[in-house]
Amino acid sequence: MRKPEERIEAEGKVLPGELLKTDSFLNHQVDSELMEEIGEEFARRFSEYGVEKVLTIEASGIPPALMTARALKVPMVFAKKSGSSNIGKNVYTAAVHSIPMTGIS
């Protein structure tokens, strides 16, 4: 497995506020082979727990979660950032902290 740590060290940038920018392989551009390797590793680590679904946040969590779900042969679900007109009222909600991305290049 190409270690994600190696990619982070080589290509990641730490921005003010200790925000890690990984847009060369995860955010704006997705390295599908790396995501597949990550998904297979997560699946290996969690396969003994009877996983029925993979839940992730909307945005950056989707690529590795999708590959994990694929490797485990289960559905993937992502938590939306905001409500949607086609989702009923019977939903779980939680407050989360999000770092604003304005002014970051």
PDB file of N, CA and C in Angstrom:
ATOM      1  N   MET A   1       0.840  -1.190   0.000  1.00  0.00           N
ATOM      2  CA  MET A   1       0.000   0.000   0.000  1.00  0.00           C
ATOM      3  C   MET A   1       0.877   1.243   0.000  1.00  0.00           C
ATOM      4  N   ARG A   2       0.600   2.162  -0.923  1.00  0.00           N
ATOM      5  CA  ARG A   2       1.262   3.466  -0.861  1.00  0.00           C
ATOM      6  C   ARG A   2       0.699   4.180   0.350  1.00  0.00           C
ATOM      7  N   LYS A   3       1.514   4.479   1.265  1.00  0.00           N
ATOM      8  CA  LYS A   3       1.050   5.037   2.524  1.00  0.00           C
ATOM      9  C   LYS A   3       0.482   6.441   2.345  1.00  0.00           C
ATOM     10  N   PRO A   4      -0.741   6.656   2.839  1.00  0.00           N
ATOM     11  CA  PRO A   4      -1.306   8.018   2.787  1.00  0.00           C
ATOM     12  C   PRO A   4      -0.406   9.029   3.484  1.00  0.00           C
ATOM     13  N   GLU A   5       0.284   8.577   4.516  1.00  0.00           N
ATOM     14  CA  GLU A   5       1.183   9.487   5.235  1.00  0.00           C
ATOM     15  C   GLU A   5       2.265  10.037   4.305  1.00  0.00           C
ATOM     16  N   GLU A   6       2.771   9.190   3.414  1.00  0.00           N
ATOM     17  CA  GLU A   6       3.802   9.623   2.479  1.00  0.00           C
ATOM     18  C   GLU A   6       3.261  10.689   1.530  1.00  0.00           C
ATOM     19  N   ARG A   7       2.037  10.515   1.069  1.00  0.00           N
ATOM     20  CA  ARG A   7       1.424  11.498   0.179  1.00  0.00           C
ATOM     21  C   ARG A   7       1.173  12.809   0.918  1.00  0.00           C
ATOM     22  N   ILE A   8       0.716  12.694   2.170  1.00  0.00           N
ATOM     23  CA  ILE A   8       0.481  13.902   2.959  1.00  0.00           C
ATOM     24  C   ILE A   8       1.791  14.653   3.171  1.00  0.00           C
ATOM     25  N   GLU A   9       2.839  13.924   3.530  1.00  0.00           N
ATOM     26  CA  GLU A   9       4.137  14.572   3.748  1.00  0.00           C
ATOM     27  C   GLU A   9       4.675  15.192   2.466  1.00  0.00           C
ATOM     28  N   ALA A  10       4.492  14.516   1.338  1.00  0.00           N
ATOM     29  CA  ALA A  10       5.041  14.997   0.074  1.00  0.00           C
ATOM     30  C   ALA A  10       4.209  16.128  -0.538  1.00  0.00           C
ATOM     31  N   GLU A  11       2.880  16.034  -0.428  1.00  0.00           N
ATOM     32  CA  GLU A  11       2.018  16.964  -1.154  1.00  0.00           C
ATOM     33  C   GLU A  11       1.113  17.816  -0.283  1.00  0.00           C
ATOM     34  N   GLY A  12       0.903  17.410   0.958  1.00  0.00           N
ATOM     35  CA  GLY A  12       0.022  18.171   1.839  1.00  0.00           C
ATOM     36  C   GLY A  12       0.649  19.481   2.264  1.00  0.00           C
ATOM     37  N   LYS A  13      -0.193  20.455   2.501  1.00  0.00           N
ATOM     38  CA  LYS A  13       0.267  21.755   2.963  1.00  0.00           C
ATOM     39  C   LYS A  13      -0.489  22.106   4.224  1.00  0.00           C
ATOM     40  N   VAL A  14       0.237  22.520   5.253  1.00  0.00           N
ATOM     41  CA  VAL A  14      -0.404  22.954   6.483  1.00  0.00           C
ATOM     42  C   VAL A  14      -0.614  24.455   6.390  1.00  0.00           C
ATOM     43  N   LEU A  15      -1.863  24.855   6.467  1.00  0.00           N
ATOM     44  CA  LEU A  15      -2.233  26.262   6.360  1.00  0.00           C
ATOM     45  C   LEU A  15      -2.448  26.841   7.757  1.00  0.00           C
ATOM     46  N   PRO A  16      -2.549  28.148   7.866  1.00  0.00           N
ATOM     47  CA  PRO A  16      -2.815  28.757   9.176  1.00  0.00           C
ATOM     48  C   PRO A  16      -4.030  28.119   9.845  1.00  0.00           C
ATOM     49  N   GLY A  17      -3.951  27.967  11.151  1.00  0.00           N
ATOM     50  CA  GLY A  17      -5.017  27.305  11.894  1.00  0.00           C
ATOM     51  C   GLY A  17      -4.869  25.800  11.883  1.00  0.00           C
ATOM     52  N   GLU A  18      -3.705  25.316  11.457  1.00  0.00           N
ATOM     53  CA  GLU A  18      -3.400  23.887  11.387  1.00  0.00           C
ATOM     54  C   GLU A  18      -4.362  23.123  10.490  1.00  0.00           C
ATOM     55  N   LEU A  19      -4.805  23.760   9.407  1.00  0.00           N
ATOM     56  CA  LEU A  19      -5.664  23.137   8.408  1.00  0.00           C
ATOM     57  C   LEU A  19      -4.778  22.420   7.400  1.00  0.00           C
ATOM     58  N   LEU A  20      -5.028  21.140   7.195  1.00  0.00           N
ATOM     59  CA  LEU A  20      -4.252  20.350   6.247  1.00  0.00           C
ATOM     60  C   LEU A  20      -4.934  20.382   4.885  1.00  0.00           C
ATOM     61  N   LYS A  21      -4.229  20.887   3.895  1.00  0.00           N
ATOM     62  CA  LYS A  21      -4.757  20.981   2.531  1.00  0.00           C
ATOM     63  C   LYS A  21      -4.221  19.802   1.724  1.00  0.00           C
ATOM     64  N   THR A  22      -5.133  18.992   1.195  1.00  0.00           N
ATOM     65  CA  THR A  22      -4.760  17.784   0.450  1.00  0.00           C
ATOM     66  C   THR A  22      -5.436  17.758  -0.925  1.00  0.00           C
ATOM     67  N   ASP A  23      -5.561  18.918  -1.536  1.00  0.00           N
ATOM     68  CA  ASP A  23      -6.329  18.991  -2.774  1.00  0.00           C
ATOM     69  C   ASP A  23      -5.661  18.361  -3.983  1.00  0.00           C
ATOM     70  N   SER A  24      -4.410  17.937  -3.865  1.00  0.00           N
ATOM     71  CA  SER A  24      -3.768  17.281  -5.002  1.00  0.00           C
ATOM     72  C   SER A  24      -4.138  15.805  -5.108  1.00  0.00           C
ATOM     73  N   PHE A  25      -4.741  15.236  -4.046  1.00  0.00           N
ATOM     74  CA  PHE A  25      -5.129  13.820  -4.127  1.00  0.00           C
ATOM     75  C   PHE A  25      -6.451  13.483  -3.442  1.00  0.00           C
ATOM     76  N   LEU A  26      -7.084  14.460  -2.757  1.00  0.00           N
ATOM     77  CA  LEU A  26      -8.326  14.125  -2.070  1.00  0.00           C
ATOM     78  C   LEU A  26      -9.456  15.115  -2.331  1.00  0.00           C
ATOM     79  N   ASN A  27      -9.208  16.376  -2.266  1.00  0.00           N
ATOM     80  CA  ASN A  27     -10.309  17.330  -2.339  1.00  0.00           C
ATOM     81  C   ASN A  27     -10.691  17.722  -3.765  1.00  0.00           C
ATOM     82  N   HIS A  28      -9.882  18.504  -4.416  1.00  0.00           N
ATOM     83  CA  HIS A  28     -10.227  18.989  -5.741  1.00  0.00           C
ATOM     84  C   HIS A  28      -9.843  18.015  -6.855  1.00  0.00           C
ATOM     85  N   GLN A  29      -8.888  17.205  -6.566  1.00  0.00           N
ATOM     86  CA  GLN A  29      -8.456  16.158  -7.490  1.00  0.00           C
ATOM     87  C   GLN A  29      -8.349  14.882  -6.675  1.00  0.00           C
ATOM     88  N   VAL A  30      -9.001  13.828  -7.126  1.00  0.00           N
ATOM     89  CA  VAL A  30      -9.022  12.582  -6.352  1.00  0.00           C
ATOM     90  C   VAL A  30      -8.137  11.538  -7.026  1.00  0.00           C
ATOM     91  N   ASP A  31      -7.205  11.004  -6.266  1.00  0.00           N
ATOM     92  CA  ASP A  31      -6.354   9.913  -6.741  1.00  0.00           C
ATOM     93  C   ASP A  31      -7.118   8.619  -6.470  1.00  0.00           C
ATOM     94  N   SER A  32      -7.758   8.078  -7.498  1.00  0.00           N
ATOM     95  CA  SER A  32      -8.621   6.908  -7.320  1.00  0.00           C
ATOM     96  C   SER A  32      -7.851   5.677  -6.859  1.00  0.00           C
ATOM     97  N   GLU A  33      -6.615   5.519  -7.323  1.00  0.00           N
ATOM     98  CA  GLU A  33      -5.824   4.364  -6.880  1.00  0.00           C
ATOM     99  C   GLU A  33      -5.499   4.457  -5.394  1.00  0.00           C
ATOM    100  N   LEU A  34      -5.137   5.652  -4.930  1.00  0.00           N
ATOM    101  CA  LEU A  34      -4.861   5.841  -3.506  1.00  0.00           C
ATOM    102  C   LEU A  34      -6.121   5.616  -2.684  1.00  0.00           C
ATOM    103  N   MET A  35      -7.268   6.128  -3.166  1.00  0.00           N
ATOM    104  CA  MET A  35      -8.528   5.937  -2.438  1.00  0.00           C
ATOM    105  C   MET A  35      -8.889   4.453  -2.377  1.00  0.00           C
ATOM    106  N   GLU A  36      -8.620   3.717  -3.451  1.00  0.00           N
ATOM    107  CA  GLU A  36      -8.881   2.282  -3.457  1.00  0.00           C
ATOM    108  C   GLU A  36      -8.007   1.577  -2.422  1.00  0.00           C
ATOM    109  N   GLU A  37      -6.743   1.962  -2.344  1.00  0.00           N
ATOM    110  CA  GLU A  37      -5.837   1.373  -1.356  1.00  0.00           C
ATOM    111  C   GLU A  37      -6.302   1.688   0.062  1.00  0.00           C
ATOM    112  N   ILE A  38      -6.732   2.922   0.287  1.00  0.00           N
ATOM    113  CA  ILE A  38      -7.234   3.314   1.603  1.00  0.00           C
ATOM    114  C   ILE A  38      -8.493   2.514   1.934  1.00  0.00           C
ATOM    115  N   GLY A  39      -9.403   2.400   0.966  1.00  0.00           N
ATOM    116  CA  GLY A  39     -10.633   1.640   1.179  1.00  0.00           C
ATOM    117  C   GLY A  39     -10.365   0.184   1.508  1.00  0.00           C
ATOM    118  N   GLU A  40      -9.427  -0.411   0.810  1.00  0.00           N
ATOM    119  CA  GLU A  40      -9.081  -1.810   1.077  1.00  0.00           C
ATOM    120  C   GLU A  40      -8.462  -1.972   2.465  1.00  0.00           C
ATOM    121  N   GLU A  41      -7.662  -1.005   2.876  1.00  0.00           N
ATOM    122  CA  GLU A  41      -7.062  -1.072   4.215  1.00  0.00           C
ATOM    123  C   GLU A  41      -8.111  -0.894   5.300  1.00  0.00           C
ATOM    124  N   PHE A  42      -9.016   0.070   5.134  1.00  0.00           N
ATOM    125  CA  PHE A  42     -10.106   0.236   6.109  1.00  0.00           C
ATOM    126  C   PHE A  42     -10.953  -1.035   6.163  1.00  0.00           C
ATOM    127  N   ALA A  43     -11.261  -1.602   5.010  1.00  0.00           N
ATOM    128  CA  ALA A  43     -12.057  -2.828   4.964  1.00  0.00           C
ATOM    129  C   ALA A  43     -11.342  -3.955   5.695  1.00  0.00           C
ATOM    130  N   ARG A  44     -10.048  -4.076   5.491  1.00  0.00           N
ATOM    131  CA  ARG A  44      -9.276  -5.111   6.189  1.00  0.00           C
ATOM    132  C   ARG A  44      -9.367  -4.920   7.702  1.00  0.00           C
ATOM    133  N   ARG A  45      -9.262  -3.684   8.144  1.00  0.00           N
ATOM    134  CA  ARG A  45      -9.268  -3.406   9.583  1.00  0.00           C
ATOM    135  C   ARG A  45     -10.638  -3.558  10.229  1.00  0.00           C
ATOM    136  N   PHE A  46     -11.721  -3.346   9.474  1.00  0.00           N
ATOM    137  CA  PHE A  46     -13.053  -3.357  10.063  1.00  0.00           C
ATOM    138  C   PHE A  46     -13.926  -4.527   9.625  1.00  0.00           C
ATOM    139  N   SER A  47     -13.440  -5.409   8.772  1.00  0.00           N
ATOM    140  CA  SER A  47     -14.271  -6.492   8.234  1.00  0.00           C
ATOM    141  C   SER A  47     -14.792  -7.443   9.305  1.00  0.00           C
ATOM    142  N   GLU A  48     -14.082  -7.610  10.381  1.00  0.00           N
ATOM    143  CA  GLU A  48     -14.519  -8.545  11.429  1.00  0.00           C
ATOM    144  C   GLU A  48     -15.649  -7.996  12.304  1.00  0.00           C
ATOM    145  N   TYR A  49     -16.044  -6.741  12.114  1.00  0.00           N
ATOM    146  CA  TYR A  49     -17.047  -6.114  12.965  1.00  0.00           C
ATOM    147  C   TYR A  49     -18.462  -6.160  12.401  1.00  0.00           C
ATOM    148  N   GLY A  50     -18.662  -6.813  11.290  1.00  0.00           N
ATOM    149  CA  GLY A  50     -20.012  -6.930  10.729  1.00  0.00           C
ATOM    150  C   GLY A  50     -20.567  -5.604  10.234  1.00  0.00           C
ATOM    151  N   VAL A  51     -19.744  -4.817   9.599  1.00  0.00           N
ATOM    152  CA  VAL A  51     -20.165  -3.512   9.082  1.00  0.00           C
ATOM    153  C   VAL A  51     -21.310  -3.695   8.098  1.00  0.00           C
ATOM    154  N   GLU A  52     -22.377  -2.911   8.280  1.00  0.00           N
ATOM    155  CA  GLU A  52     -23.528  -2.976   7.378  1.00  0.00           C
ATOM    156  C   GLU A  52     -23.623  -1.765   6.464  1.00  0.00           C
ATOM    157  N   LYS A  53     -23.030  -0.643   6.888  1.00  0.00           N
ATOM    158  CA  LYS A  53     -23.001   0.577   6.092  1.00  0.00           C
ATOM    159  C   LYS A  53     -21.763   1.363   6.469  1.00  0.00           C
ATOM    160  N   VAL A  54     -21.285   2.162   5.535  1.00  0.00           N
ATOM    161  CA  VAL A  54     -20.190   3.091   5.807  1.00  0.00           C
ATOM    162  C   VAL A  54     -20.803   4.489   5.793  1.00  0.00           C
ATOM    163  N   LEU A  55     -20.621   5.223   6.875  1.00  0.00           N
ATOM    164  CA  LEU A  55     -21.153   6.582   7.008  1.00  0.00           C
ATOM    165  C   LEU A  55     -19.996   7.565   6.978  1.00  0.00           C
ATOM    166  N   THR A  56     -20.146   8.626   6.215  1.00  0.00           N
ATOM    167  CA  THR A  56     -19.116   9.654   6.132  1.00  0.00           C
ATOM    168  C   THR A  56     -19.756  11.024   6.043  1.00  0.00           C
ATOM    169  N   ILE A  57     -18.923  12.041   6.127  1.00  0.00           N
ATOM    170  CA  ILE A  57     -19.398  13.402   5.927  1.00  0.00           C
ATOM    171  C   ILE A  57     -19.432  13.717   4.445  1.00  0.00           C
ATOM    172  N   GLU A  58     -20.269  14.668   4.092  1.00  0.00           N
ATOM    173  CA  GLU A  58     -20.331  15.120   2.703  1.00  0.00           C
ATOM    174  C   GLU A  58     -19.024  15.852   2.389  1.00  0.00           C
ATOM    175  N   ALA A  59     -18.484  15.635   1.259  1.00  0.00           N
ATOM    176  CA  ALA A  59     -17.272  16.294   0.743  1.00  0.00           C
ATOM    177  C   ALA A  59     -16.082  15.356   0.783  1.00  0.00           C
ATOM    178  N   SER A  60     -15.025  15.717   1.507  1.00  0.00           N
ATOM    179  CA  SER A  60     -13.757  14.986   1.455  1.00  0.00           C
ATOM    180  C   SER A  60     -13.860  13.538   1.917  1.00  0.00           C
ATOM    181  N   GLY A  61     -14.836  13.209   2.732  1.00  0.00           N
ATOM    182  CA  GLY A  61     -14.957  11.840   3.208  1.00  0.00           C
ATOM    183  C   GLY A  61     -15.531  10.874   2.190  1.00  0.00           C
ATOM    184  N   ILE A  62     -16.156  11.401   1.144  1.00  0.00           N
ATOM    185  CA  ILE A  62     -16.845  10.527   0.193  1.00  0.00           C
ATOM    186  C   ILE A  62     -15.905   9.586  -0.564  1.00  0.00           C
ATOM    187  N   PRO A  63     -14.806  10.053  -1.154  1.00  0.00           N
ATOM    188  CA  PRO A  63     -13.962   9.113  -1.914  1.00  0.00           C
ATOM    189  C   PRO A  63     -13.440   7.926  -1.094  1.00  0.00           C
ATOM    190  N   PRO A  64     -12.814   8.134   0.074  1.00  0.00           N
ATOM    191  CA  PRO A  64     -12.341   6.957   0.806  1.00  0.00           C
ATOM    192  C   PRO A  64     -13.491   6.106   1.346  1.00  0.00           C
ATOM    193  N   ALA A  65     -14.599   6.734   1.713  1.00  0.00           N
ATOM    194  CA  ALA A  65     -15.745   5.969   2.219  1.00  0.00           C
ATOM    195  C   ALA A  65     -16.352   5.097   1.126  1.00  0.00           C
ATOM    196  N   LEU A  66     -16.464   5.632  -0.065  1.00  0.00           N
ATOM    197  CA  LEU A  66     -17.027   4.854  -1.175  1.00  0.00           C
ATOM    198  C   LEU A  66     -16.169   3.634  -1.471  1.00  0.00           C
ATOM    199  N   MET A  67     -14.861   3.814  -1.491  1.00  0.00           N
ATOM    200  CA  MET A  67     -13.965   2.688  -1.761  1.00  0.00           C
ATOM    201  C   MET A  67     -13.978   1.681  -0.609  1.00  0.00           C
ATOM    202  N   THR A  68     -14.155   2.169   0.608  1.00  0.00           N
ATOM    203  CA  THR A  68     -14.266   1.264   1.756  1.00  0.00           C
ATOM    204  C   THR A  68     -15.546   0.443   1.638  1.00  0.00           C
ATOM    205  N   ALA A  69     -16.652   1.120   1.332  1.00  0.00           N
ATOM    206  CA  ALA A  69     -17.929   0.422   1.165  1.00  0.00           C
ATOM    207  C   ALA A  69     -17.852  -0.600   0.036  1.00  0.00           C
ATOM    208  N   ARG A  70     -17.202  -0.235  -1.031  1.00  0.00           N
ATOM    209  CA  ARG A  70     -17.043  -1.162  -2.167  1.00  0.00           C
ATOM    210  C   ARG A  70     -16.278  -2.407  -1.739  1.00  0.00           C
ATOM    211  N   ALA A  71     -15.173  -2.200  -1.002  1.00  0.00           N
ATOM    212  CA  ALA A  71     -14.365  -3.339  -0.551  1.00  0.00           C
ATOM    213  C   ALA A  71     -15.129  -4.216   0.436  1.00  0.00           C
ATOM    214  N   LEU A  72     -15.981  -3.604   1.262  1.00  0.00           N
ATOM    215  CA  LEU A  72     -16.768  -4.363   2.239  1.00  0.00           C
ATOM    216  C   LEU A  72     -18.062  -4.910   1.641  1.00  0.00           C
ATOM    217  N   LYS A  73     -18.387  -4.461   0.409  1.00  0.00           N
ATOM    218  CA  LYS A  73     -19.627  -4.857  -0.268  1.00  0.00           C
ATOM    219  C   LYS A  73     -20.867  -4.458   0.536  1.00  0.00           C
ATOM    220  N   VAL A  74     -20.851  -3.208   1.009  1.00  0.00           N
ATOM    221  CA  VAL A  74     -21.979  -2.632   1.751  1.00  0.00           C
ATOM    222  C   VAL A  74     -22.278  -1.249   1.171  1.00  0.00           C
ATOM    223  N   PRO A  75     -23.458  -0.689   1.479  1.00  0.00           N
ATOM    224  CA  PRO A  75     -23.756   0.669   1.003  1.00  0.00           C
ATOM    225  C   PRO A  75     -22.946   1.727   1.743  1.00  0.00           C
ATOM    226  N   MET A  76     -22.810   2.879   1.103  1.00  0.00           N
ATOM    227  CA  MET A  76     -22.213   4.049   1.730  1.00  0.00           C
ATOM    228  C   MET A  76     -23.282   5.111   1.876  1.00  0.00           C
ATOM    229  N   VAL A  77     -23.283   5.798   2.995  1.00  0.00           N
ATOM    230  CA  VAL A  77     -24.218   6.880   3.266  1.00  0.00           C
ATOM    231  C   VAL A  77     -23.392   8.096   3.650  1.00  0.00           C
ATOM    232  N   PHE A  78     -23.767   9.267   3.144  1.00  0.00           N
ATOM    233  CA  PHE A  78     -23.056  10.457   3.600  1.00  0.00           C
ATOM    234  C   PHE A  78     -24.006  11.424   4.277  1.00  0.00           C
ATOM    235  N   ALA A  79     -23.496  12.060   5.330  1.00  0.00           N
ATOM    236  CA  ALA A  79     -24.256  13.049   6.079  1.00  0.00           C
ATOM    237  C   ALA A  79     -24.186  14.366   5.328  1.00  0.00           C
ATOM    238  N   LYS A  80     -25.347  14.946   5.072  1.00  0.00           N
ATOM    239  CA  LYS A  80     -25.404  16.197   4.323  1.00  0.00           C
ATOM    240  C   LYS A  80     -25.087  17.383   5.230  1.00  0.00           C
ATOM    241  N   LYS A  81     -24.513  18.407   4.615  1.00  0.00           N
ATOM    242  CA  LYS A  81     -24.185  19.622   5.351  1.00  0.00           C
ATOM    243  C   LYS A  81     -25.426  20.438   5.684  1.00  0.00           C
ATOM    244  N   SER A  82     -26.416  20.356   4.827  1.00  0.00           N
ATOM    245  CA  SER A  82     -27.646  21.114   5.056  1.00  0.00           C
ATOM    246  C   SER A  82     -28.837  20.279   4.618  1.00  0.00           C
ATOM    247  N   GLY A  83     -30.017  20.720   4.992  1.00  0.00           N
ATOM    248  CA  GLY A  83     -31.239  19.994   4.669  1.00  0.00           C
ATOM    249  C   GLY A  83     -31.488  19.924   3.171  1.00  0.00           C
ATOM    250  N   SER A  84     -32.423  19.079   2.804  1.00  0.00           N
ATOM    251  CA  SER A  84     -32.767  18.899   1.399  1.00  0.00           C
ATOM    252  C   SER A  84     -34.277  18.733   1.300  1.00  0.00           C
ATOM    253  N   SER A  85     -34.840  19.237   0.237  1.00  0.00           N
ATOM    254  CA  SER A  85     -36.297  19.166   0.071  1.00  0.00           C
ATOM    255  C   SER A  85     -36.797  17.754  -0.184  1.00  0.00           C
ATOM    256  N   ASN A  86     -35.937  16.837  -0.583  1.00  0.00           N
ATOM    257  CA  ASN A  86     -36.392  15.474  -0.873  1.00  0.00           C
ATOM    258  C   ASN A  86     -36.108  14.497   0.265  1.00  0.00           C
ATOM    259  N   ILE A  87     -35.741  15.021   1.446  1.00  0.00           N
ATOM    260  CA  ILE A  87     -35.514  14.178   2.613  1.00  0.00           C
ATOM    261  C   ILE A  87     -36.596  14.506   3.639  1.00  0.00           C
ATOM    262  N   GLY A  88     -37.175  13.494   4.242  1.00  0.00           N
ATOM    263  CA  GLY A  88     -38.218  13.696   5.234  1.00  0.00           C
ATOM    264  C   GLY A  88     -37.704  14.369   6.496  1.00  0.00           C
ATOM    265  N   LYS A  89     -38.588  14.520   7.451  1.00  0.00           N
ATOM    266  CA  LYS A  89     -38.259  15.191   8.712  1.00  0.00           C
ATOM    267  C   LYS A  89     -37.647  14.253   9.743  1.00  0.00           C
ATOM    268  N   ASN A  90     -37.750  12.948   9.534  1.00  0.00           N
ATOM    269  CA  ASN A  90     -37.255  11.966  10.500  1.00  0.00           C
ATOM    270  C   ASN A  90     -35.775  11.682  10.222  1.00  0.00           C
ATOM    271  N   VAL A  91     -34.909  12.610  10.667  1.00  0.00           N
ATOM    272  CA  VAL A  91     -33.480  12.498  10.403  1.00  0.00           C
ATOM    273  C   VAL A  91     -32.691  12.762  11.679  1.00  0.00           C
ATOM    274  N   TYR A  92     -31.463  12.296  11.709  1.00  0.00           N
ATOM    275  CA  TYR A  92     -30.535  12.617  12.790  1.00  0.00           C
ATOM    276  C   TYR A  92     -29.824  13.922  12.435  1.00  0.00           C
ATOM    277  N   THR A  93     -29.573  14.746  13.441  1.00  0.00           N
ATOM    278  CA  THR A  93     -28.822  15.971  13.208  1.00  0.00           C
ATOM    279  C   THR A  93     -27.761  16.131  14.287  1.00  0.00           C
ATOM    280  N   ALA A  94     -26.710  16.848  13.945  1.00  0.00           N
ATOM    281  CA  ALA A  94     -25.646  17.153  14.896  1.00  0.00           C
ATOM    282  C   ALA A  94     -24.950  18.430  14.459  1.00  0.00           C
ATOM    283  N   ALA A  95     -24.539  19.218  15.419  1.00  0.00           N
ATOM    284  CA  ALA A  95     -23.773  20.421  15.122  1.00  0.00           C
ATOM    285  C   ALA A  95     -22.324  20.015  14.887  1.00  0.00           C
ATOM    286  N   VAL A  96     -21.697  20.583  13.867  1.00  0.00           N
ATOM    287  CA  VAL A  96     -20.297  20.298  13.579  1.00  0.00           C
ATOM    288  C   VAL A  96     -19.561  21.607  13.341  1.00  0.00           C
ATOM    289  N   HIS A  97     -18.269  21.587  13.559  1.00  0.00           N
ATOM    290  CA  HIS A  97     -17.432  22.751  13.316  1.00  0.00           C
ATOM    291  C   HIS A  97     -16.779  22.596  11.953  1.00  0.00           C
ATOM    292  N   SER A  98     -16.878  23.621  11.163  1.00  0.00           N
ATOM    293  CA  SER A  98     -16.257  23.600   9.840  1.00  0.00           C
ATOM    294  C   SER A  98     -15.344  24.805   9.707  1.00  0.00           C
ATOM    295  N   ILE A  99     -14.151  24.570   9.196  1.00  0.00           N
ATOM    296  CA  ILE A  99     -13.187  25.657   9.012  1.00  0.00           C
ATOM    297  C   ILE A  99     -13.501  26.347   7.698  1.00  0.00           C
ATOM    298  N   PRO A 100     -13.706  27.670   7.725  1.00  0.00           N
ATOM    299  CA  PRO A 100     -14.008  28.388   6.466  1.00  0.00           C
ATOM    300  C   PRO A 100     -12.828  28.314   5.505  1.00  0.00           C
ATOM    301  N   MET A 101     -13.128  28.160   4.240  1.00  0.00           N
ATOM    302  CA  MET A 101     -12.089  27.997   3.226  1.00  0.00           C
ATOM    303  C   MET A 101     -11.834  29.285   2.434  1.00  0.00           C
ATOM    304  N   THR A 102     -12.421  30.411   2.834  1.00  0.00           N
ATOM    305  CA  THR A 102     -12.215  31.644   2.095  1.00  0.00           C
ATOM    306  C   THR A 102     -10.771  32.109   2.177  1.00  0.00           C
ATOM    307  N   GLY A 103     -10.264  32.567   1.076  1.00  0.00           N
ATOM    308  CA  GLY A 103      -8.927  33.119   1.033  1.00  0.00           C
ATOM    309  C   GLY A 103      -7.808  32.093   0.948  1.00  0.00           C
ATOM    310  N   ILE A 104      -8.133  30.838   0.842  1.00  0.00           N
ATOM    311  CA  ILE A 104      -7.106  29.783   0.772  1.00  0.00           C
ATOM    312  C   ILE A 104      -6.847  29.477  -0.693  1.00  0.00           C
ATOM    313  N   SER A 105      -5.596  29.516  -1.071  1.00  0.00           N
ATOM    314  CA  SER A 105      -5.267  29.200  -2.470  1.00  0.00           C
ATOM    315  C   SER A 105      -4.429  27.960  -2.575  1.00  0.00           C
TER     316      SER A 105
END
